[in-house]
Amino acid sequence: MRAPRLLPKERIALRLKYRTKETIAGYLFILPNIVGFGVFTLFSVLFSLVISFTDWDMMSSWHDLHFIGFANFADAFQDDRFLASLRNNLFFLVLVPVQLLLALVCAVVLNEKFVGRYLVRSVVYLPYITSFVAVSLIWFQLLQPSDGAVNGLLRSIGIHHPPGWFGSSDWVKPSIFMVLTWQTLGYKILLYLAGLQGIPAHLYEAAEVDGASGWHKFFRITVPMLAPVTFFILIISIIDTFLMWSNIQILTDGGPGTSSTVIGFYIYKVAFGYSKMGYASAMSWLLFVLILMITLIQWRGQKKWVNH
């Protein structure tokens, strides 16, 4: 016997019931992640916003907490260490394009066919998956001013006054930049390699037919086609520049003086070193606004040079 045919209204009701069950099942699957995000991330963010308007120092009880308005935010702009941290971050920010250029050049080279290219790609990427702590400790020993391996090598070739590296206020920021570039360059190269392999080969073939040189193909095809990848790397590199602190803590602890103190490290120091959680939260929100502004400016500007 044939099953009775459902009326249109009954058919719609059955579909809605099935979709509702699917929706509920989907939300049940993601419920643990939602709870984890709410408890460990969203609550922490909102809590930091609240205490940024207070003088809570983490050592006092909640009864001693006082609302002080925007005093923490005003104090940040009168804090010499906070302003020095901004200037140091600006130094690393300006050097981000250097990292992008190095990554692009290396990716183009590694995209060519040669013996052992897969091995070379693996070796280049290896520093990125190595522990930041281990990498920092190794470089700290290599660049010791007195008995480090690098300065020992420089002295052996006749350089009697090698750089002071992490112990010199003039060399500490270039030294940190060198270490960070060595460690993170492999990740940027990997992204560029993925972008290069997504460029249609017929574009290069057409350019060759027209007699275009290698430089013309690079600047007229490769660079424009990699614009979305460049934009993504630029955004994450700038954010990483503002948030770095583990390398700074291990290599220099912000010294000499404040010559290598960056905002992320200074916030950590104020929060957990000086226990000024309210002031540290205010600086964190200032950092959030700064990163948001830079990202929005880049997002609007990328419409002029990024081809999707």
C-alpha atoms as a PDB file:
ATOM      1  CA  MET A   1       0.000   0.000   0.000  1.00  0.00           C
ATOM      2  CA  ARG A   2       1.112   3.478  -0.735  1.00  0.00           C
ATOM      3  CA  ALA A   3       1.821   5.832   2.161  1.00  0.00           C
ATOM      4  CA  PRO A   4      -0.716   8.629   2.388  1.00  0.00           C
ATOM      5  CA  ARG A   5       0.459  11.799   0.688  1.00  0.00           C
ATOM      6  CA  LEU A   6       1.160  14.713   3.017  1.00  0.00           C
ATOM      7  CA  LEU A   7      -0.561  17.994   2.563  1.00  0.00           C
ATOM      8  CA  PRO A   8       1.667  21.023   1.775  1.00  0.00           C
ATOM      9  CA  LYS A   9       1.193  22.410   5.281  1.00  0.00           C
ATOM     10  CA  GLU A  10       2.100  19.055   6.834  1.00  0.00           C
ATOM     11  CA  ARG A  11       5.172  18.841   4.590  1.00  0.00           C
ATOM     12  CA  ILE A  12       6.344  22.294   5.714  1.00  0.00           C
ATOM     13  CA  ALA A  13       5.755  21.458   9.386  1.00  0.00           C
ATOM     14  CA  LEU A  14       7.768  18.230   9.031  1.00  0.00           C
ATOM     15  CA  ARG A  15      10.666  20.101   7.413  1.00  0.00           C
ATOM     16  CA  LEU A  16      10.654  22.722  10.143  1.00  0.00           C
ATOM     17  CA  LYS A  17      10.663  20.014  12.800  1.00  0.00           C
ATOM     18  CA  TYR A  18      13.603  18.258  11.116  1.00  0.00           C
ATOM     19  CA  ARG A  19      15.547  21.522  10.770  1.00  0.00           C
ATOM     20  CA  THR A  20      14.865  22.414  14.405  1.00  0.00           C
ATOM     21  CA  LYS A  21      16.270  19.068  15.526  1.00  0.00           C
ATOM     22  CA  GLU A  22      19.353  19.629  13.342  1.00  0.00           C
ATOM     23  CA  THR A  23      19.829  23.135  14.739  1.00  0.00           C
ATOM     24  CA  ILE A  24      19.577  21.939  18.333  1.00  0.00           C
ATOM     25  CA  ALA A  25      22.017  19.111  17.651  1.00  0.00           C
ATOM     26  CA  GLY A  26      24.451  21.558  16.056  1.00  0.00           C
ATOM     27  CA  TYR A  27      24.321  23.908  19.036  1.00  0.00           C
ATOM     28  CA  LEU A  28      24.840  20.988  21.430  1.00  0.00           C
ATOM     29  CA  PHE A  29      28.002  20.048  19.536  1.00  0.00           C
ATOM     30  CA  ILE A  30      29.479  23.550  19.815  1.00  0.00           C
ATOM     31  CA  LEU A  31      28.175  24.166  23.362  1.00  0.00           C
ATOM     32  CA  PRO A  32      31.467  23.149  25.081  1.00  0.00           C
ATOM     33  CA  ASN A  33      33.383  25.636  22.936  1.00  0.00           C
ATOM     34  CA  ILE A  34      30.829  28.362  23.576  1.00  0.00           C
ATOM     35  CA  VAL A  35      31.006  27.779  27.339  1.00  0.00           C
ATOM     36  CA  GLY A  36      34.810  27.743  27.249  1.00  0.00           C
ATOM     37  CA  PHE A  37      34.911  30.948  25.200  1.00  0.00           C
ATOM     38  CA  GLY A  38      32.408  32.644  27.492  1.00  0.00           C
ATOM     39  CA  VAL A  39      34.143  31.691  30.738  1.00  0.00           C
ATOM     40  CA  PHE A  40      37.812  31.985  29.778  1.00  0.00           C
ATOM     41  CA  THR A  41      37.760  34.690  27.082  1.00  0.00           C
ATOM     42  CA  LEU A  42      34.618  36.821  26.998  1.00  0.00           C
ATOM     43  CA  PHE A  43      34.337  37.094  30.782  1.00  0.00           C
ATOM     44  CA  SER A  44      38.039  37.968  31.073  1.00  0.00           C
ATOM     45  CA  VAL A  45      37.761  40.679  28.416  1.00  0.00           C
ATOM     46  CA  LEU A  46      34.718  42.272  30.037  1.00  0.00           C
ATOM     47  CA  PHE A  47      36.262  41.947  33.494  1.00  0.00           C
ATOM     48  CA  SER A  48      39.430  43.719  32.327  1.00  0.00           C
ATOM     49  CA  LEU A  49      37.287  46.545  30.924  1.00  0.00           C
ATOM     50  CA  VAL A  50      35.551  46.972  34.264  1.00  0.00           C
ATOM     51  CA  ILE A  51      38.707  46.991  36.402  1.00  0.00           C
ATOM     52  CA  SER A  52      40.445  49.384  33.988  1.00  0.00           C
ATOM     53  CA  PHE A  53      38.300  52.099  35.612  1.00  0.00           C
ATOM     54  CA  THR A  54      39.398  51.103  39.129  1.00  0.00           C
ATOM     55  CA  ASP A  55      42.559  51.159  41.247  1.00  0.00           C
ATOM     56  CA  TRP A  56      42.502  47.402  41.949  1.00  0.00           C
ATOM     57  CA  ASP A  57      46.023  46.137  42.603  1.00  0.00           C
ATOM     58  CA  MET A  58      45.267  42.386  42.900  1.00  0.00           C
ATOM     59  CA  MET A  59      46.696  42.354  46.419  1.00  0.00           C
ATOM     60  CA  SER A  60      43.725  44.138  47.997  1.00  0.00           C
ATOM     61  CA  SER A  61      40.275  42.792  48.718  1.00  0.00           C
ATOM     62  CA  TRP A  62      37.243  43.735  46.657  1.00  0.00           C
ATOM     63  CA  HIS A  63      36.104  46.010  49.482  1.00  0.00           C
ATOM     64  CA  ASP A  64      39.132  48.252  48.891  1.00  0.00           C
ATOM     65  CA  LEU A  65      38.384  48.650  45.178  1.00  0.00           C
ATOM     66  CA  HIS A  66      37.624  52.238  44.139  1.00  0.00           C
ATOM     67  CA  PHE A  67      36.196  53.562  40.896  1.00  0.00           C
ATOM     68  CA  ILE A  68      38.581  56.222  39.520  1.00  0.00           C
ATOM     69  CA  GLY A  69      37.104  56.868  36.088  1.00  0.00           C
ATOM     70  CA  PHE A  70      39.582  57.500  33.283  1.00  0.00           C
ATOM     71  CA  ALA A  71      42.518  58.179  35.617  1.00  0.00           C
ATOM     72  CA  ASN A  72      44.365  55.021  34.536  1.00  0.00           C
ATOM     73  CA  PHE A  73      44.049  55.973  30.878  1.00  0.00           C
ATOM     74  CA  ALA A  74      45.276  59.514  31.588  1.00  0.00           C
ATOM     75  CA  ASP A  75      48.213  58.194  33.629  1.00  0.00           C
ATOM     76  CA  ALA A  76      49.339  56.023  30.714  1.00  0.00           C
ATOM     77  CA  PHE A  77      50.037  59.066  28.540  1.00  0.00           C
ATOM     78  CA  GLN A  78      52.123  60.582  31.353  1.00  0.00           C
ATOM     79  CA  ASP A  79      54.038  57.361  31.998  1.00  0.00           C
ATOM     80  CA  ASP A  80      57.562  57.633  30.540  1.00  0.00           C
ATOM     81  CA  ARG A  81      57.917  53.841  30.370  1.00  0.00           C
ATOM     82  CA  PHE A  82      54.654  53.446  28.505  1.00  0.00           C
ATOM     83  CA  LEU A  83      55.677  56.118  25.996  1.00  0.00           C
ATOM     84  CA  ALA A  84      59.124  54.510  25.639  1.00  0.00           C
ATOM     85  CA  SER A  85      57.387  51.189  24.963  1.00  0.00           C
ATOM     86  CA  LEU A  86      55.353  52.842  22.207  1.00  0.00           C
ATOM     87  CA  ARG A  87      58.517  54.199  20.597  1.00  0.00           C
ATOM     88  CA  ASN A  88      60.192  50.779  20.768  1.00  0.00           C
ATOM     89  CA  ASN A  89      57.132  49.161  19.201  1.00  0.00           C
ATOM     90  CA  LEU A  90      57.266  51.761  16.448  1.00  0.00           C
ATOM     91  CA  PHE A  91      60.845  50.651  15.669  1.00  0.00           C
ATOM     92  CA  PHE A  92      59.748  47.021  15.199  1.00  0.00           C
ATOM     93  CA  LEU A  93      56.654  48.173  13.310  1.00  0.00           C
ATOM     94  CA  VAL A  94      58.725  50.081  10.755  1.00  0.00           C
ATOM     95  CA  LEU A  95      60.875  46.989  10.133  1.00  0.00           C
ATOM     96  CA  VAL A  96      57.895  44.709   9.349  1.00  0.00           C
ATOM     97  CA  PRO A  97      58.153  45.438   5.568  1.00  0.00           C
ATOM     98  CA  VAL A  98      61.769  44.223   5.712  1.00  0.00           C
ATOM     99  CA  GLN A  99      60.537  40.843   6.970  1.00  0.00           C
ATOM    100  CA  LEU A 100      57.905  40.731   4.214  1.00  0.00           C
ATOM    101  CA  LEU A 101      60.485  41.492   1.539  1.00  0.00           C
ATOM    102  CA  LEU A 102      62.872  38.816   2.832  1.00  0.00           C
ATOM    103  CA  ALA A 103      60.052  36.268   3.017  1.00  0.00           C
ATOM    104  CA  LEU A 104      58.895  37.056  -0.519  1.00  0.00           C
ATOM    105  CA  VAL A 105      62.382  36.771  -2.003  1.00  0.00           C
ATOM    106  CA  CYS A 106      63.063  33.491  -0.196  1.00  0.00           C
ATOM    107  CA  ALA A 107      59.670  32.101  -1.252  1.00  0.00           C
ATOM    108  CA  VAL A 108      60.333  32.918  -4.902  1.00  0.00           C
ATOM    109  CA  VAL A 109      63.715  31.162  -4.693  1.00  0.00           C
ATOM    110  CA  LEU A 110      62.274  28.127  -2.904  1.00  0.00           C
ATOM    111  CA  ASN A 111      59.447  27.904  -5.431  1.00  0.00           C
ATOM    112  CA  GLU A 112      61.951  27.115  -8.172  1.00  0.00           C
ATOM    113  CA  LYS A 113      62.828  23.511  -9.005  1.00  0.00           C
ATOM    114  CA  PHE A 114      66.207  22.405  -7.641  1.00  0.00           C
ATOM    115  CA  VAL A 115      67.620  19.351  -5.909  1.00  0.00           C
ATOM    116  CA  GLY A 116      66.697  19.213  -2.227  1.00  0.00           C
ATOM    117  CA  ARG A 117      64.162  22.036  -2.293  1.00  0.00           C
ATOM    118  CA  TYR A 118      61.724  20.150  -0.046  1.00  0.00           C
ATOM    119  CA  LEU A 119      64.474  19.593   2.510  1.00  0.00           C
ATOM    120  CA  VAL A 120      65.418  23.276   2.396  1.00  0.00           C
ATOM    121  CA  ARG A 121      61.762  24.275   2.877  1.00  0.00           C
ATOM    122  CA  SER A 122      61.533  22.044   5.944  1.00  0.00           C
ATOM    123  CA  VAL A 123      64.741  23.468   7.427  1.00  0.00           C
ATOM    124  CA  VAL A 124      63.571  27.042   6.830  1.00  0.00           C
ATOM    125  CA  TYR A 125      60.240  26.346   8.559  1.00  0.00           C
ATOM    126  CA  LEU A 126      61.822  24.496  11.488  1.00  0.00           C
ATOM    127  CA  PRO A 127      62.635  27.583  13.653  1.00  0.00           C
ATOM    128  CA  TYR A 128      58.967  28.596  13.665  1.00  0.00           C
ATOM    129  CA  ILE A 129      57.806  25.366  15.290  1.00  0.00           C
ATOM    130  CA  THR A 130      60.651  25.435  17.802  1.00  0.00           C
ATOM    131  CA  SER A 131      59.900  26.679  21.309  1.00  0.00           C
ATOM    132  CA  PHE A 132      60.255  30.449  21.648  1.00  0.00           C
ATOM    133  CA  VAL A 133      61.933  29.928  25.007  1.00  0.00           C
ATOM    134  CA  ALA A 134      64.513  27.510  23.602  1.00  0.00           C
ATOM    135  CA  VAL A 135      65.266  29.761  20.625  1.00  0.00           C
ATOM    136  CA  SER A 136      65.650  32.818  22.856  1.00  0.00           C
ATOM    137  CA  LEU A 137      67.994  31.019  25.245  1.00  0.00           C
ATOM    138  CA  ILE A 138      70.178  29.748  22.383  1.00  0.00           C
ATOM    139  CA  TRP A 139      70.477  33.209  20.820  1.00  0.00           C
ATOM    140  CA  PHE A 140      71.124  34.740  24.232  1.00  0.00           C
ATOM    141  CA  GLN A 141      74.163  32.494  24.616  1.00  0.00           C
ATOM    142  CA  LEU A 142      75.347  32.994  21.029  1.00  0.00           C
ATOM    143  CA  LEU A 143      75.205  36.796  21.292  1.00  0.00           C
ATOM    144  CA  GLN A 144      76.837  37.189  24.694  1.00  0.00           C
ATOM    145  CA  PRO A 145      79.053  40.307  24.415  1.00  0.00           C
ATOM    146  CA  SER A 146      81.995  38.860  26.347  1.00  0.00           C
ATOM    147  CA  ASP A 147      82.198  35.149  25.580  1.00  0.00           C
ATOM    148  CA  GLY A 148      79.480  34.526  22.975  1.00  0.00           C
ATOM    149  CA  ALA A 149      80.225  32.429  19.904  1.00  0.00           C
ATOM    150  CA  VAL A 150      79.338  35.228  17.476  1.00  0.00           C
ATOM    151  CA  ASN A 151      81.617  37.812  19.072  1.00  0.00           C
ATOM    152  CA  GLY A 152      84.352  35.178  19.389  1.00  0.00           C
ATOM    153  CA  LEU A 153      84.125  34.624  15.641  1.00  0.00           C
ATOM    154  CA  LEU A 154      84.202  38.369  14.960  1.00  0.00           C
ATOM    155  CA  ARG A 155      87.296  38.816  17.125  1.00  0.00           C
ATOM    156  CA  SER A 156      89.027  35.950  15.343  1.00  0.00           C
ATOM    157  CA  ILE A 157      88.692  37.774  12.007  1.00  0.00           C
ATOM    158  CA  GLY A 158      90.113  41.020  13.357  1.00  0.00           C
ATOM    159  CA  ILE A 159      87.075  42.916  14.717  1.00  0.00           C
ATOM    160  CA  HIS A 160      88.404  43.920  18.146  1.00  0.00           C
ATOM    161  CA  HIS A 161      85.298  45.803  19.276  1.00  0.00           C
ATOM    162  CA  PRO A 162      82.277  43.686  18.234  1.00  0.00           C
ATOM    163  CA  PRO A 163      78.703  44.813  18.966  1.00  0.00           C
ATOM    164  CA  GLY A 164      77.325  44.565  22.468  1.00  0.00           C
ATOM    165  CA  TRP A 165      74.135  42.952  21.144  1.00  0.00           C
ATOM    166  CA  PHE A 166      71.620  42.521  23.990  1.00  0.00           C
ATOM    167  CA  GLY A 167      73.858  44.401  26.428  1.00  0.00           C
ATOM    168  CA  SER A 168      73.982  47.582  24.354  1.00  0.00           C
ATOM    169  CA  SER A 169      71.164  50.102  24.134  1.00  0.00           C
ATOM    170  CA  ASP A 170      72.199  50.834  20.526  1.00  0.00           C
ATOM    171  CA  TRP A 171      72.241  47.199  19.405  1.00  0.00           C
ATOM    172  CA  VAL A 172      69.519  45.602  21.520  1.00  0.00           C
ATOM    173  CA  LYS A 173      66.561  46.373  19.208  1.00  0.00           C
ATOM    174  CA  PRO A 174      68.344  45.275  15.993  1.00  0.00           C
ATOM    175  CA  SER A 175      69.441  42.111  17.843  1.00  0.00           C
ATOM    176  CA  ILE A 176      65.877  41.293  18.909  1.00  0.00           C
ATOM    177  CA  PHE A 177      64.621  42.014  15.395  1.00  0.00           C
ATOM    178  CA  MET A 178      67.236  39.636  13.981  1.00  0.00           C
ATOM    179  CA  VAL A 179      66.170  36.849  16.360  1.00  0.00           C
ATOM    180  CA  LEU A 180      62.449  37.377  15.676  1.00  0.00           C
ATOM    181  CA  THR A 181      63.046  37.459  11.925  1.00  0.00           C
ATOM    182  CA  TRP A 182      65.072  34.245  12.046  1.00  0.00           C
ATOM    183  CA  GLN A 183      62.326  32.507  14.009  1.00  0.00           C
ATOM    184  CA  THR A 184      59.208  33.717  12.198  1.00  0.00           C
ATOM    185  CA  LEU A 185      60.486  34.041   8.627  1.00  0.00           C
ATOM    186  CA  GLY A 186      59.698  30.402   7.823  1.00  0.00           C
ATOM    187  CA  TYR A 187      55.982  30.896   8.517  1.00  0.00           C
ATOM    188  CA  LYS A 188      55.804  33.916   6.205  1.00  0.00           C
ATOM    189  CA  ILE A 189      57.737  32.033   3.517  1.00  0.00           C
ATOM    190  CA  LEU A 190      55.248  29.151   3.784  1.00  0.00           C
ATOM    191  CA  LEU A 191      52.313  31.523   3.232  1.00  0.00           C
ATOM    192  CA  TYR A 192      54.012  33.113   0.236  1.00  0.00           C
ATOM    193  CA  LEU A 193      54.811  29.661  -1.205  1.00  0.00           C
ATOM    194  CA  ALA A 194      51.139  28.724  -0.963  1.00  0.00           C
ATOM    195  CA  GLY A 195      50.253  31.958  -2.757  1.00  0.00           C
ATOM    196  CA  LEU A 196      52.864  31.422  -5.471  1.00  0.00           C
ATOM    197  CA  GLN A 197      51.566  27.953  -6.241  1.00  0.00           C
ATOM    198  CA  GLY A 198      48.082  29.403  -6.643  1.00  0.00           C
ATOM    199  CA  ILE A 199      49.118  31.808  -9.422  1.00  0.00           C
ATOM    200  CA  PRO A 200      47.930  30.443 -12.818  1.00  0.00           C
ATOM    201  CA  ALA A 201      50.862  29.345 -14.985  1.00  0.00           C
ATOM    202  CA  HIS A 202      49.258  30.727 -18.149  1.00  0.00           C
ATOM    203  CA  LEU A 203      49.880  34.281 -16.902  1.00  0.00           C
ATOM    204  CA  TYR A 204      53.636  33.699 -16.964  1.00  0.00           C
ATOM    205  CA  GLU A 205      53.384  31.890 -20.316  1.00  0.00           C
ATOM    206  CA  ALA A 206      51.519  34.804 -21.857  1.00  0.00           C
ATOM    207  CA  ALA A 207      54.099  37.219 -20.454  1.00  0.00           C
ATOM    208  CA  GLU A 208      56.933  35.169 -21.975  1.00  0.00           C
ATOM    209  CA  VAL A 209      55.203  35.219 -25.357  1.00  0.00           C
ATOM    210  CA  ASP A 210      55.062  39.025 -25.090  1.00  0.00           C
ATOM    211  CA  GLY A 211      58.788  39.092 -24.327  1.00  0.00           C
ATOM    212  CA  ALA A 212      58.546  40.123 -20.668  1.00  0.00           C
ATOM    213  CA  SER A 213      61.744  39.821 -18.620  1.00  0.00           C
ATOM    214  CA  GLY A 214      61.976  38.090 -15.245  1.00  0.00           C
ATOM    215  CA  TRP A 215      61.770  41.419 -13.415  1.00  0.00           C
ATOM    216  CA  HIS A 216      58.664  42.431 -15.343  1.00  0.00           C
ATOM    217  CA  LYS A 217      56.973  39.131 -14.548  1.00  0.00           C
ATOM    218  CA  PHE A 218      57.877  39.517 -10.882  1.00  0.00           C
ATOM    219  CA  PHE A 219      56.566  43.064 -10.482  1.00  0.00           C
ATOM    220  CA  ARG A 220      53.646  42.819 -12.921  1.00  0.00           C
ATOM    221  CA  ILE A 221      52.351  39.340 -12.109  1.00  0.00           C
ATOM    222  CA  THR A 222      53.859  37.852  -8.927  1.00  0.00           C
ATOM    223  CA  VAL A 223      53.637  40.872  -6.632  1.00  0.00           C
ATOM    224  CA  PRO A 224      50.056  41.900  -7.596  1.00  0.00           C
ATOM    225  CA  MET A 225      48.761  38.315  -7.434  1.00  0.00           C
ATOM    226  CA  LEU A 226      50.298  37.902  -3.970  1.00  0.00           C
ATOM    227  CA  ALA A 227      48.684  41.093  -2.651  1.00  0.00           C
ATOM    228  CA  PRO A 228      46.028  39.265  -0.539  1.00  0.00           C
ATOM    229  CA  VAL A 229      48.749  37.098   1.039  1.00  0.00           C
ATOM    230  CA  THR A 230      50.896  40.173   1.679  1.00  0.00           C
ATOM    231  CA  PHE A 231      47.951  41.933   3.305  1.00  0.00           C
ATOM    232  CA  PHE A 232      47.289  38.962   5.610  1.00  0.00           C
ATOM    233  CA  ILE A 233      50.962  38.646   6.605  1.00  0.00           C
ATOM    234  CA  LEU A 234      51.159  42.399   7.200  1.00  0.00           C
ATOM    235  CA  ILE A 235      48.178  42.324   9.580  1.00  0.00           C
ATOM    236  CA  ILE A 236      49.391  39.366  11.653  1.00  0.00           C
ATOM    237  CA  SER A 237      52.970  40.707  11.729  1.00  0.00           C
ATOM    238  CA  ILE A 238      51.848  44.067  13.100  1.00  0.00           C
ATOM    239  CA  ILE A 239      49.664  42.403  15.745  1.00  0.00           C
ATOM    240  CA  ASP A 240      52.530  40.074  16.734  1.00  0.00           C
ATOM    241  CA  THR A 241      54.828  43.093  17.028  1.00  0.00           C
ATOM    242  CA  PHE A 242      52.540  44.691  19.601  1.00  0.00           C
ATOM    243  CA  LEU A 243      51.874  41.485  21.537  1.00  0.00           C
ATOM    244  CA  MET A 244      55.413  40.083  21.828  1.00  0.00           C
ATOM    245  CA  TRP A 245      56.782  39.747  25.343  1.00  0.00           C
ATOM    246  CA  SER A 246      58.199  36.251  25.944  1.00  0.00           C
ATOM    247  CA  ASN A 247      61.301  36.858  23.822  1.00  0.00           C
ATOM    248  CA  ILE A 248      61.841  40.242  25.458  1.00  0.00           C
ATOM    249  CA  GLN A 249      61.553  38.763  28.936  1.00  0.00           C
ATOM    250  CA  ILE A 250      64.092  36.027  28.247  1.00  0.00           C
ATOM    251  CA  LEU A 251      66.574  38.017  26.148  1.00  0.00           C
ATOM    252  CA  THR A 252      66.696  41.413  27.852  1.00  0.00           C
ATOM    253  CA  ASP A 253      63.966  41.771  30.500  1.00  0.00           C
ATOM    254  CA  GLY A 254      63.210  45.103  28.856  1.00  0.00           C
ATOM    255  CA  GLY A 255      66.749  46.477  29.240  1.00  0.00           C
ATOM    256  CA  PRO A 256      69.191  48.017  29.109  1.00  0.00           C
ATOM    257  CA  GLY A 257      66.986  50.581  30.844  1.00  0.00           C
ATOM    258  CA  THR A 258      63.813  50.721  28.765  1.00  0.00           C
ATOM    259  CA  SER A 259      65.552  50.404  25.395  1.00  0.00           C
ATOM    260  CA  SER A 260      63.856  47.082  24.573  1.00  0.00           C
ATOM    261  CA  THR A 261      60.642  47.382  26.588  1.00  0.00           C
ATOM    262  CA  VAL A 262      57.591  46.940  24.350  1.00  0.00           C
ATOM    263  CA  ILE A 263      53.939  47.482  25.230  1.00  0.00           C
ATOM    264  CA  GLY A 264      53.027  43.818  25.656  1.00  0.00           C
ATOM    265  CA  PHE A 265      55.960  43.210  27.978  1.00  0.00           C
ATOM    266  CA  TYR A 266      55.314  46.396  29.968  1.00  0.00           C
ATOM    267  CA  ILE A 267      51.651  45.460  30.486  1.00  0.00           C
ATOM    268  CA  TYR A 268      52.740  42.032  31.742  1.00  0.00           C
ATOM    269  CA  LYS A 269      55.293  43.656  34.062  1.00  0.00           C
ATOM    270  CA  VAL A 270      52.789  46.118  35.519  1.00  0.00           C
ATOM    271  CA  ALA A 271      50.088  43.472  35.986  1.00  0.00           C
ATOM    272  CA  PHE A 272      52.077  40.595  37.468  1.00  0.00           C
ATOM    273  CA  GLY A 273      55.262  42.339  38.604  1.00  0.00           C
ATOM    274  CA  TYR A 274      53.792  45.427  40.260  1.00  0.00           C
ATOM    275  CA  SER A 275      50.278  43.933  40.804  1.00  0.00           C
ATOM    276  CA  LYS A 276      48.609  47.036  39.320  1.00  0.00           C
ATOM    277  CA  MET A 277      45.899  45.134  37.531  1.00  0.00           C
ATOM    278  CA  GLY A 278      43.643  48.144  36.959  1.00  0.00           C
ATOM    279  CA  TYR A 279      46.384  50.188  35.302  1.00  0.00           C
ATOM    280  CA  ALA A 280      47.555  47.193  33.238  1.00  0.00           C
ATOM    281  CA  SER A 281      43.980  46.605  32.018  1.00  0.00           C
ATOM    282  CA  ALA A 282      43.701  50.244  30.958  1.00  0.00           C
ATOM    283  CA  MET A 283      46.924  49.945  28.945  1.00  0.00           C
ATOM    284  CA  SER A 284      45.621  46.713  27.403  1.00  0.00           C
ATOM    285  CA  TRP A 285      42.519  48.498  26.156  1.00  0.00           C
ATOM    286  CA  LEU A 286      44.630  51.338  24.792  1.00  0.00           C
ATOM    287  CA  LEU A 287      46.671  48.722  22.946  1.00  0.00           C
ATOM    288  CA  PHE A 288      43.462  47.156  21.622  1.00  0.00           C
ATOM    289  CA  VAL A 289      42.266  50.532  20.298  1.00  0.00           C
ATOM    290  CA  LEU A 290      45.671  51.167  18.702  1.00  0.00           C
ATOM    291  CA  ILE A 291      45.725  47.783  16.926  1.00  0.00           C
ATOM    292  CA  LEU A 292      42.088  48.248  15.853  1.00  0.00           C
ATOM    293  CA  MET A 293      42.856  51.668  14.347  1.00  0.00           C
ATOM    294  CA  ILE A 294      45.896  50.378  12.445  1.00  0.00           C
ATOM    295  CA  THR A 295      43.898  47.383  11.167  1.00  0.00           C
ATOM    296  CA  LEU A 296      40.995  49.564  10.013  1.00  0.00           C
ATOM    297  CA  ILE A 297      43.381  51.926   8.202  1.00  0.00           C
ATOM    298  CA  GLN A 298      45.012  48.970   6.466  1.00  0.00           C
ATOM    299  CA  TRP A 299      41.645  47.439   5.671  1.00  0.00           C
ATOM    300  CA  ARG A 300      40.496  50.617   3.950  1.00  0.00           C
ATOM    301  CA  GLY A 301      43.825  51.079   2.195  1.00  0.00           C
ATOM    302  CA  GLN A 302      44.012  47.516   0.919  1.00  0.00           C
ATOM    303  CA  LYS A 303      41.128  48.181  -1.482  1.00  0.00           C
ATOM    304  CA  LYS A 304      43.544  50.216  -3.594  1.00  0.00           C
ATOM    305  CA  TRP A 305      46.317  47.622  -3.889  1.00  0.00           C
ATOM    306  CA  VAL A 306      44.861  44.186  -3.066  1.00  0.00           C
ATOM    307  CA  ASN A 307      43.387  42.216  -5.977  1.00  0.00           C
ATOM    308  CA  HIS A 308      41.033  39.477  -4.718  1.00  0.00           C
END
